[in-house]
C-alpha atoms as a PDB file:
ATOM      1  CA  UNK A   1      15.826   1.835  23.108  1.00  0.00           C
ATOM      2  CA  UNK A   2      17.356   0.841  19.919  1.00  0.00           C
ATOM      3  CA  UNK A   3      14.714   0.377  17.200  1.00  0.00           C
ATOM      4  CA  UNK A   4      15.690  -0.882  13.307  1.00  0.00           C
ATOM      5  CA  UNK A   5      13.119   0.479  10.534  1.00  0.00           C
ATOM      6  CA  UNK A   6      12.918  -1.665   7.708  1.00  0.00           C
ATOM      7  CA  UNK A   7      10.596  -1.814   4.773  1.00  0.00           C
ATOM      8  CA  UNK A   8       9.956  -3.341   1.518  1.00  0.00           C
ATOM      9  CA  UNK A   9       8.712  -0.001  -0.447  1.00  0.00           C
ATOM     10  CA  UNK A  10      12.176   1.228  -0.755  1.00  0.00           C
ATOM     11  CA  UNK A  11      14.304   4.183   1.213  1.00  0.00           C
ATOM     12  CA  UNK A  12      12.467   7.075  -0.204  1.00  0.00           C
ATOM     13  CA  UNK A  13       8.616   5.538   0.770  1.00  0.00           C
ATOM     14  CA  UNK A  14       6.480   7.915   2.401  1.00  0.00           C
ATOM     15  CA  UNK A  15       5.145   5.060   4.711  1.00  0.00           C
ATOM     16  CA  UNK A  16       9.040   4.428   6.080  1.00  0.00           C
ATOM     17  CA  UNK A  17       9.676   8.343   6.416  1.00  0.00           C
ATOM     18  CA  UNK A  18       6.282   8.828   8.536  1.00  0.00           C
ATOM     19  CA  UNK A  19       7.123   6.016  10.704  1.00  0.00           C
ATOM     20  CA  UNK A  20      10.860   7.219  11.429  1.00  0.00           C
ATOM     21  CA  UNK A  21       9.384  10.293  12.509  1.00  0.00           C
ATOM     22  CA  UNK A  22       6.837   8.898  15.066  1.00  0.00           C
ATOM     23  CA  UNK A  23       8.940   5.901  16.169  1.00  0.00           C
ATOM     24  CA  UNK A  24      11.577   8.583  17.706  1.00  0.00           C
ATOM     25  CA  UNK A  25       9.313   8.704  20.569  1.00  0.00           C
ATOM     26  CA  UNK A  26       9.942   5.248  21.423  1.00  0.00           C
ATOM     27  CA  UNK A  27      13.884   5.447  21.313  1.00  0.00           C
ATOM     28  CA  UNK A  28      16.755   5.869  18.614  1.00  0.00           C
ATOM     29  CA  UNK A  29      15.931   5.116  15.123  1.00  0.00           C
ATOM     30  CA  UNK A  30      18.026   3.513  12.403  1.00  0.00           C
ATOM     31  CA  UNK A  31      16.892   3.077   9.311  1.00  0.00           C
ATOM     32  CA  UNK A  32      17.739   0.471   6.683  1.00  0.00           C
ATOM     33  CA  UNK A  33      15.504   0.181   3.275  1.00  0.00           C
ATOM     34  CA  UNK A  34      16.148  -1.219   0.012  1.00  0.00           C
ATOM     35  CA  UNK A  35      17.435   1.190  -2.477  1.00  0.00           C
ATOM     36  CA  UNK A  36      14.187   0.292  -4.796  1.00  0.00           C
ATOM     37  CA  UNK A  37      10.873  -1.203  -4.084  1.00  0.00           C
ATOM     38  CA  UNK A  38      10.838  -4.673  -3.414  1.00  0.00           C
ATOM     39  CA  UNK A  39       7.190  -5.061  -2.779  1.00  0.00           C
ATOM     40  CA  UNK A  40       5.502  -9.198  -3.232  1.00  0.00           C
ATOM     41  CA  UNK A  41       9.521 -10.477  -3.047  1.00  0.00           C
ATOM     42  CA  UNK A  42       8.395 -12.666   0.336  1.00  0.00           C
ATOM     43  CA  UNK A  43      11.818 -13.876   2.364  1.00  0.00           C
ATOM     44  CA  UNK A  44      13.998 -13.636  -0.655  1.00  0.00           C
ATOM     45  CA  UNK A  45      17.991 -13.262   0.350  1.00  0.00           C
ATOM     46  CA  UNK A  46      20.999 -11.978  -1.516  1.00  0.00           C
ATOM     47  CA  UNK A  47      23.755 -14.398  -1.580  1.00  0.00           C
ATOM     48  CA  UNK A  48      25.015 -15.314  -5.139  1.00  0.00           C
ATOM     49  CA  UNK A  49      26.489 -11.513  -5.411  1.00  0.00           C
ATOM     50  CA  UNK A  50      27.812  -8.658  -2.919  1.00  0.00           C
ATOM     51  CA  UNK A  51      25.213  -6.559  -1.082  1.00  0.00           C
ATOM     52  CA  UNK A  52      25.717  -3.187  -2.174  1.00  0.00           C
ATOM     53  CA  UNK A  53      24.559  -0.189   0.184  1.00  0.00           C
ATOM     54  CA  UNK A  54      25.077   3.552   0.725  1.00  0.00           C
ATOM     55  CA  UNK A  55      23.909   6.208   3.303  1.00  0.00           C
ATOM     56  CA  UNK A  56      21.239   8.471   2.208  1.00  0.00           C
ATOM     57  CA  UNK A  57      20.832  11.822   4.028  1.00  0.00           C
ATOM     58  CA  UNK A  58      18.416  14.167   4.142  1.00  0.00           C
ATOM     59  CA  UNK A  59      17.900  18.109   5.370  1.00  0.00           C
ATOM     60  CA  UNK A  60      18.615  17.044   8.860  1.00  0.00           C
ATOM     61  CA  UNK A  61      21.618  15.204   8.203  1.00  0.00           C
ATOM     62  CA  UNK A  62      21.629  11.387   8.439  1.00  0.00           C
ATOM     63  CA  UNK A  63      18.591   9.548   7.233  1.00  0.00           C
ATOM     64  CA  UNK A  64      19.259   5.660   6.789  1.00  0.00           C
ATOM     65  CA  UNK A  65      21.154   3.296   4.628  1.00  0.00           C
ATOM     66  CA  UNK A  66      19.755   2.228   1.295  1.00  0.00           C
ATOM     67  CA  UNK A  67      20.532  -1.495   0.390  1.00  0.00           C
ATOM     68  CA  UNK A  68      20.768  -3.176  -2.929  1.00  0.00           C
ATOM     69  CA  UNK A  69      18.499  -6.125  -1.757  1.00  0.00           C
ATOM     70  CA  UNK A  70      15.427  -7.659  -0.423  1.00  0.00           C
ATOM     71  CA  UNK A  71      13.670  -6.336   2.657  1.00  0.00           C
ATOM     72  CA  UNK A  72      15.221  -9.859   4.671  1.00  0.00           C
ATOM     73  CA  UNK A  73      18.780  -8.423   3.702  1.00  0.00           C
ATOM     74  CA  UNK A  74      17.862  -5.341   5.183  1.00  0.00           C
ATOM     75  CA  UNK A  75      16.876  -6.584   8.377  1.00  0.00           C
ATOM     76  CA  UNK A  76      20.109  -8.693   8.739  1.00  0.00           C
ATOM     77  CA  UNK A  77      22.101  -5.875   7.341  1.00  0.00           C
ATOM     78  CA  UNK A  78      20.772  -3.362   9.874  1.00  0.00           C
ATOM     79  CA  UNK A  79      21.397  -5.788  12.865  1.00  0.00           C
ATOM     80  CA  UNK A  80      24.430  -7.016  11.872  1.00  0.00           C
ATOM     81  CA  UNK A  81      26.023  -3.783  10.628  1.00  0.00           C
ATOM     82  CA  UNK A  82      24.374  -0.621  11.029  1.00  0.00           C
ATOM     83  CA  UNK A  83      22.517  -0.469  14.224  1.00  0.00           C
ATOM     84  CA  UNK A  84      25.133   0.959  16.722  1.00  0.00           C
ATOM     85  CA  UNK A  85      23.992  -1.635  19.114  1.00  0.00           C
ATOM     86  CA  UNK A  86      21.661  -4.939  19.117  1.00  0.00           C
ATOM     87  CA  UNK A  87      18.170  -3.545  18.345  1.00  0.00           C
ATOM     88  CA  UNK A  88      15.417  -4.193  21.399  1.00  0.00           C
ATOM     89  CA  UNK A  89      12.858  -3.421  18.466  1.00  0.00           C
ATOM     90  CA  UNK A  90      12.451  -4.278  14.741  1.00  0.00           C
ATOM     91  CA  UNK A  91       9.387  -2.483  12.853  1.00  0.00           C
ATOM     92  CA  UNK A  92       8.770  -2.813   9.235  1.00  0.00           C
ATOM     93  CA  UNK A  93       6.634  -0.606   7.235  1.00  0.00           C
ATOM     94  CA  UNK A  94       4.295   1.675   7.048  1.00  0.00           C
ATOM     95  CA  UNK A  95       3.637  -0.767   3.871  1.00  0.00           C
ATOM     96  CA  UNK A  96       1.939   0.983   0.967  1.00  0.00           C
ATOM     97  CA  UNK A  97      -1.249  -1.623   1.142  1.00  0.00           C
ATOM     98  CA  UNK A  98      -2.698  -4.226   3.389  1.00  0.00           C
ATOM     99  CA  UNK A  99      -0.821  -7.480   4.268  1.00  0.00           C
ATOM    100  CA  UNK A 100      -3.484  -9.605   5.218  1.00  0.00           C
ATOM    101  CA  UNK A 101      -4.515 -13.112   4.870  1.00  0.00           C
ATOM    102  CA  UNK A 102      -2.512 -15.473   2.171  1.00  0.00           C
ATOM    103  CA  UNK A 103      -1.147 -12.092   1.331  1.00  0.00           C
ATOM    104  CA  UNK A 104       1.179 -12.622   4.232  1.00  0.00           C
ATOM    105  CA  UNK A 105       3.316 -14.938   2.743  1.00  0.00           C
ATOM    106  CA  UNK A 106       4.093 -13.371  -0.155  1.00  0.00           C
ATOM    107  CA  UNK A 107       5.324  -9.939   1.653  1.00  0.00           C
ATOM    108  CA  UNK A 108       8.151  -8.489   1.721  1.00  0.00           C
ATOM    109  CA  UNK A 109       7.347  -6.561   4.804  1.00  0.00           C
ATOM    110  CA  UNK A 110       6.251  -9.374   7.073  1.00  0.00           C
ATOM    111  CA  UNK A 111       9.258 -10.958   5.528  1.00  0.00           C
ATOM    112  CA  UNK A 112      11.480  -8.158   7.174  1.00  0.00           C
ATOM    113  CA  UNK A 113       9.888  -8.889  10.242  1.00  0.00           C
ATOM    114  CA  UNK A 114      10.411 -12.481  10.378  1.00  0.00           C
ATOM    115  CA  UNK A 115      14.074 -12.113   9.552  1.00  0.00           C
ATOM    116  CA  UNK A 116      14.112 -10.020  12.928  1.00  0.00           C
ATOM    117  CA  UNK A 117      12.199 -12.514  14.880  1.00  0.00           C
ATOM    118  CA  UNK A 118      14.844 -15.134  13.619  1.00  0.00           C
ATOM    119  CA  UNK A 119      17.548 -13.004  15.300  1.00  0.00           C
ATOM    120  CA  UNK A 120      15.203 -13.379  18.734  1.00  0.00           C
ATOM    121  CA  UNK A 121      14.227  -9.855  18.491  1.00  0.00           C
ATOM    122  CA  UNK A 122      10.803  -8.483  19.113  1.00  0.00           C
ATOM    123  CA  UNK A 123       9.417  -7.469  15.705  1.00  0.00           C
ATOM    124  CA  UNK A 124       6.565  -5.712  13.781  1.00  0.00           C
ATOM    125  CA  UNK A 125       5.072  -5.454  10.213  1.00  0.00           C
ATOM    126  CA  UNK A 126       3.023  -2.424   9.897  1.00  0.00           C
ATOM    127  CA  UNK A 127       0.943  -1.748   6.800  1.00  0.00           C
ATOM    128  CA  UNK A 128      -2.139   0.786   5.895  1.00  0.00           C
ATOM    129  CA  UNK A 129      -4.727   0.101   3.104  1.00  0.00           C
ATOM    130  CA  UNK A 130      -5.024   2.268   0.120  1.00  0.00           C
ATOM    131  CA  UNK A 131      -8.487   2.379  -1.064  1.00  0.00           C
ATOM    132  CA  UNK A 132      -8.551   6.059  -0.036  1.00  0.00           C
ATOM    133  CA  UNK A 133      -5.514   8.621   0.104  1.00  0.00           C
ATOM    134  CA  UNK A 134      -3.541   7.147   2.672  1.00  0.00           C
ATOM    135  CA  UNK A 135      -2.453   9.199   5.906  1.00  0.00           C
ATOM    136  CA  UNK A 136       0.657   7.913   7.072  1.00  0.00           C
ATOM    137  CA  UNK A 137       1.472  10.006  10.116  1.00  0.00           C
ATOM    138  CA  UNK A 138      -2.153   9.082  11.599  1.00  0.00           C
ATOM    139  CA  UNK A 139      -1.354   5.504  10.912  1.00  0.00           C
ATOM    140  CA  UNK A 140       2.082   5.700  12.181  1.00  0.00           C
ATOM    141  CA  UNK A 141       0.941   7.517  15.544  1.00  0.00           C
ATOM    142  CA  UNK A 142      -1.683   4.567  15.950  1.00  0.00           C
ATOM    143  CA  UNK A 143       0.960   2.246  15.345  1.00  0.00           C
ATOM    144  CA  UNK A 144       3.360   3.729  18.002  1.00  0.00           C
ATOM    145  CA  UNK A 145       0.493   3.251  20.525  1.00  0.00           C
ATOM    146  CA  UNK A 146      -0.525  -0.309  20.016  1.00  0.00           C
ATOM    147  CA  UNK A 147       3.285  -0.941  19.475  1.00  0.00           C
ATOM    148  CA  UNK A 148       3.637   0.353  23.258  1.00  0.00           C
ATOM    149  CA  UNK A 149       0.895  -1.761  24.663  1.00  0.00           C
ATOM    150  CA  UNK A 150       2.488  -4.986  23.189  1.00  0.00           C
ATOM    151  CA  UNK A 151       6.009  -4.387  24.621  1.00  0.00           C
ATOM    152  CA  UNK A 152       4.200  -3.469  27.627  1.00  0.00           C
ATOM    153  CA  UNK A 153       2.133  -6.764  28.348  1.00  0.00           C
ATOM    154  CA  UNK A 154       4.388  -9.283  26.071  1.00  0.00           C
ATOM    155  CA  UNK A 155       7.144 -10.411  28.197  1.00  0.00           C
ATOM    156  CA  UNK A 156       8.571 -12.990  25.597  1.00  0.00           C
ATOM    157  CA  UNK A 157      11.331 -12.035  23.317  1.00  0.00           C
ATOM    158  CA  UNK A 158      11.466 -13.015  19.446  1.00  0.00           C
ATOM    159  CA  UNK A 159       7.561 -12.712  19.051  1.00  0.00           C
ATOM    160  CA  UNK A 160       6.352 -11.230  15.616  1.00  0.00           C
ATOM    161  CA  UNK A 161       3.256  -9.358  14.780  1.00  0.00           C
ATOM    162  CA  UNK A 162       1.248  -8.119  11.922  1.00  0.00           C
ATOM    163  CA  UNK A 163      -0.774  -4.851  12.255  1.00  0.00           C
ATOM    164  CA  UNK A 164      -2.935  -3.587   9.463  1.00  0.00           C
ATOM    165  CA  UNK A 165      -4.855  -0.362   9.267  1.00  0.00           C
ATOM    166  CA  UNK A 166      -7.973   0.024   7.182  1.00  0.00           C
ATOM    167  CA  UNK A 167      -8.328   2.755   4.361  1.00  0.00           C
ATOM    168  CA  UNK A 168      -7.644   6.259   5.771  1.00  0.00           C
ATOM    169  CA  UNK A 169     -11.144   7.802   6.871  1.00  0.00           C
ATOM    170  CA  UNK A 170     -11.447  11.000   8.940  1.00  0.00           C
ATOM    171  CA  UNK A 171     -13.022   9.219  11.818  1.00  0.00           C
ATOM    172  CA  UNK A 172     -10.118   6.755  11.883  1.00  0.00           C
ATOM    173  CA  UNK A 173     -10.366   2.956  12.470  1.00  0.00           C
ATOM    174  CA  UNK A 174     -13.772   1.875  14.175  1.00  0.00           C
ATOM    175  CA  UNK A 175     -11.340   0.043  16.911  1.00  0.00           C
ATOM    176  CA  UNK A 176      -8.672  -2.624  17.277  1.00  0.00           C
ATOM    177  CA  UNK A 177      -9.015  -6.506  16.757  1.00  0.00           C
ATOM    178  CA  UNK A 178      -6.605  -9.347  17.834  1.00  0.00           C
ATOM    179  CA  UNK A 179      -7.555 -11.709  15.157  1.00  0.00           C
ATOM    180  CA  UNK A 180      -6.419 -14.902  13.092  1.00  0.00           C
ATOM    181  CA  UNK A 181      -4.786 -14.622   9.518  1.00  0.00           C
ATOM    182  CA  UNK A 182      -7.587 -15.512   6.915  1.00  0.00           C
ATOM    183  CA  UNK A 183      -6.191 -18.892   5.032  1.00  0.00           C
ATOM    184  CA  UNK A 184      -8.971 -19.450   2.454  1.00  0.00           C
ATOM    185  CA  UNK A 185      -8.977 -17.522  -0.805  1.00  0.00           C
ATOM    186  CA  UNK A 186     -12.119 -18.249  -2.652  1.00  0.00           C
ATOM    187  CA  UNK A 187     -10.599 -17.096  -6.223  1.00  0.00           C
ATOM    188  CA  UNK A 188      -7.714 -15.843  -7.558  1.00  0.00           C
ATOM    189  CA  UNK A 189      -7.517 -14.492 -11.486  1.00  0.00           C
ATOM    190  CA  UNK A 190      -4.804 -13.399 -13.889  1.00  0.00           C
ATOM    191  CA  UNK A 191      -5.827 -10.759 -16.311  1.00  0.00           C
ATOM    192  CA  UNK A 192      -4.692 -11.203 -19.754  1.00  0.00           C
ATOM    193  CA  UNK A 193      -3.885  -8.146 -22.328  1.00  0.00           C
ATOM    194  CA  UNK A 194      -3.151  -7.238 -25.575  1.00  0.00           C
ATOM    195  CA  UNK A 195       0.023  -4.752 -26.155  1.00  0.00           C
ATOM    196  CA  UNK A 196       0.164  -2.603 -29.240  1.00  0.00           C
ATOM    197  CA  UNK A 197       2.358  -5.205 -30.953  1.00  0.00           C
ATOM    198  CA  UNK A 198      -0.497  -7.635 -30.728  1.00  0.00           C
ATOM    199  CA  UNK A 199       1.389  -9.662 -28.072  1.00  0.00           C
ATOM    200  CA  UNK A 200      -0.283 -10.982 -24.701  1.00  0.00           C
ATOM    201  CA  UNK A 201       0.815  -9.911 -21.025  1.00  0.00           C
ATOM    202  CA  UNK A 202      -0.547 -10.630 -18.049  1.00  0.00           C
ATOM    203  CA  UNK A 203      -1.443  -8.658 -14.583  1.00  0.00           C
ATOM    204  CA  UNK A 204      -1.701 -10.724 -11.449  1.00  0.00           C
ATOM    205  CA  UNK A 205      -2.911  -9.916  -7.871  1.00  0.00           C
ATOM    206  CA  UNK A 206      -4.955  -6.931  -8.907  1.00  0.00           C
ATOM    207  CA  UNK A 207      -7.651  -7.082  -5.920  1.00  0.00           C
ATOM    208  CA  UNK A 208      -5.906  -9.631  -2.702  1.00  0.00           C
ATOM    209  CA  UNK A 209      -8.614  -8.658  -0.717  1.00  0.00           C
ATOM    210  CA  UNK A 210     -11.616  -9.373  -2.474  1.00  0.00           C
ATOM    211  CA  UNK A 211      -9.748 -12.928  -3.290  1.00  0.00           C
ATOM    212  CA  UNK A 212     -10.286 -13.958   0.006  1.00  0.00           C
ATOM    213  CA  UNK A 213     -13.392 -15.392   1.589  1.00  0.00           C
ATOM    214  CA  UNK A 214     -14.648 -13.201   4.581  1.00  0.00           C
ATOM    215  CA  UNK A 215     -14.688 -15.494   7.398  1.00  0.00           C
ATOM    216  CA  UNK A 216     -15.488 -13.833  10.937  1.00  0.00           C
ATOM    217  CA  UNK A 217     -12.445 -13.336  12.951  1.00  0.00           C
ATOM    218  CA  UNK A 218      -9.831 -13.238  10.560  1.00  0.00           C
ATOM    219  CA  UNK A 219      -7.697 -10.308   9.343  1.00  0.00           C
ATOM    220  CA  UNK A 220      -9.075 -10.003   6.066  1.00  0.00           C
ATOM    221  CA  UNK A 221     -12.998  -9.728   7.773  1.00  0.00           C
ATOM    222  CA  UNK A 222     -11.974  -6.919  10.241  1.00  0.00           C
ATOM    223  CA  UNK A 223     -10.009  -5.181   8.240  1.00  0.00           C
ATOM    224  CA  UNK A 224     -12.934  -5.193   5.438  1.00  0.00           C
ATOM    225  CA  UNK A 225     -15.044  -4.083   8.550  1.00  0.00           C
ATOM    226  CA  UNK A 226     -13.079  -0.980   9.190  1.00  0.00           C
ATOM    227  CA  UNK A 227     -11.160  -2.355  12.110  1.00  0.00           C
ATOM    228  CA  UNK A 228      -7.233  -2.006  12.595  1.00  0.00           C
ATOM    229  CA  UNK A 229      -6.131  -5.883  12.872  1.00  0.00           C
ATOM    230  CA  UNK A 230      -3.537  -6.969  15.065  1.00  0.00           C
ATOM    231  CA  UNK A 231      -2.402 -10.696  14.444  1.00  0.00           C
ATOM    232  CA  UNK A 232       0.521 -12.590  16.278  1.00  0.00           C
ATOM    233  CA  UNK A 233       2.501 -14.715  13.756  1.00  0.00           C
ATOM    234  CA  UNK A 234       5.171 -17.444  13.866  1.00  0.00           C
ATOM    235  CA  UNK A 235       7.210 -19.069  11.353  1.00  0.00           C
ATOM    236  CA  UNK A 236       7.329 -22.591  12.588  1.00  0.00           C
ATOM    237  CA  UNK A 237       5.402 -24.003   9.559  1.00  0.00           C
ATOM    238  CA  UNK A 238       5.481 -27.540  10.822  1.00  0.00           C
ATOM    239  CA  UNK A 239       2.202 -29.505  10.828  1.00  0.00           C
ATOM    240  CA  UNK A 240       2.012 -30.469  14.501  1.00  0.00           C
ATOM    241  CA  UNK A 241      -1.031 -32.656  13.873  1.00  0.00           C
ATOM    242  CA  UNK A 242       0.033 -34.449  10.894  1.00  0.00           C
ATOM    243  CA  UNK A 243       3.734 -34.925  12.374  1.00  0.00           C
ATOM    244  CA  UNK A 244       2.027 -36.312  15.970  1.00  0.00           C
ATOM    245  CA  UNK A 245      -0.272 -38.678  13.528  1.00  0.00           C
ATOM    246  CA  UNK A 246       3.015 -39.903  11.792  1.00  0.00           C
ATOM    247  CA  UNK A 247       5.366 -40.720  14.812  1.00  0.00           C
ATOM    248  CA  UNK A 248       3.970 -43.688  15.446  1.00  0.00           C
ATOM    249  CA  UNK A 249       3.649 -45.114  11.663  1.00  0.00           C
ATOM    250  CA  UNK A 250       6.941 -46.919  10.288  1.00  0.00           C
ATOM    251  CA  UNK A 251       8.678 -45.503   7.284  1.00  0.00           C
ATOM    252  CA  UNK A 252      11.154 -46.919   5.438  1.00  0.00           C
ATOM    253  CA  UNK A 253      13.232 -47.392   1.955  1.00  0.00           C
ATOM    254  CA  UNK A 254      12.385 -50.263  -0.432  1.00  0.00           C
ATOM    255  CA  UNK A 255      14.814 -53.004   0.009  1.00  0.00           C
END
């Protein structure tokens, strides 16, 4: 199996290294990651200037490719340029921090997986909460176990999955819950501070988990309760209910 591994935390992120090591149990791994951290950039792509890339080597030889671009750029470059053959699987992560609820729409980690699904390739985003010192290797081993099960049971191609692990504990997650993405955010805050020169500056998104309503059966709630969450996603944003209701309503331009 040919696997493309990408992320948004950058080529030197510990989660990427851990995922690279454990994914070798499933097949040949090609690593393509941003040169610098690209967290929270969503599905940004580069098209107004060239994309630069360079090979990164470690003590064992070739490690991967560092791309001066976004996570979605990395997926595109990996599929079209750097993988020796078309990938059978694309994995994005392990991200430093959970990607659940509305934050999925901001996430560069998830965007990289979405770009893989655009190509019709099964793509999986993997993230680890950071409330305690993270154990990326343990999360990677658990992620591989879940990925094996998903691939064995899912016959469709181009599927998109989002996996999140709770804070690292000695006992590990309480279990695994297949659940929906939380979509209700009850609050959002911007924290105002003053710099030494008396000028205001602002921090946004300091505690995204607590901003969400804890609705039972959603990724935010189950992750908060100590479970690993698995959420199937799709990128078709069409409101089909509204589209169906409007099909019989004539619309026209004014005369």
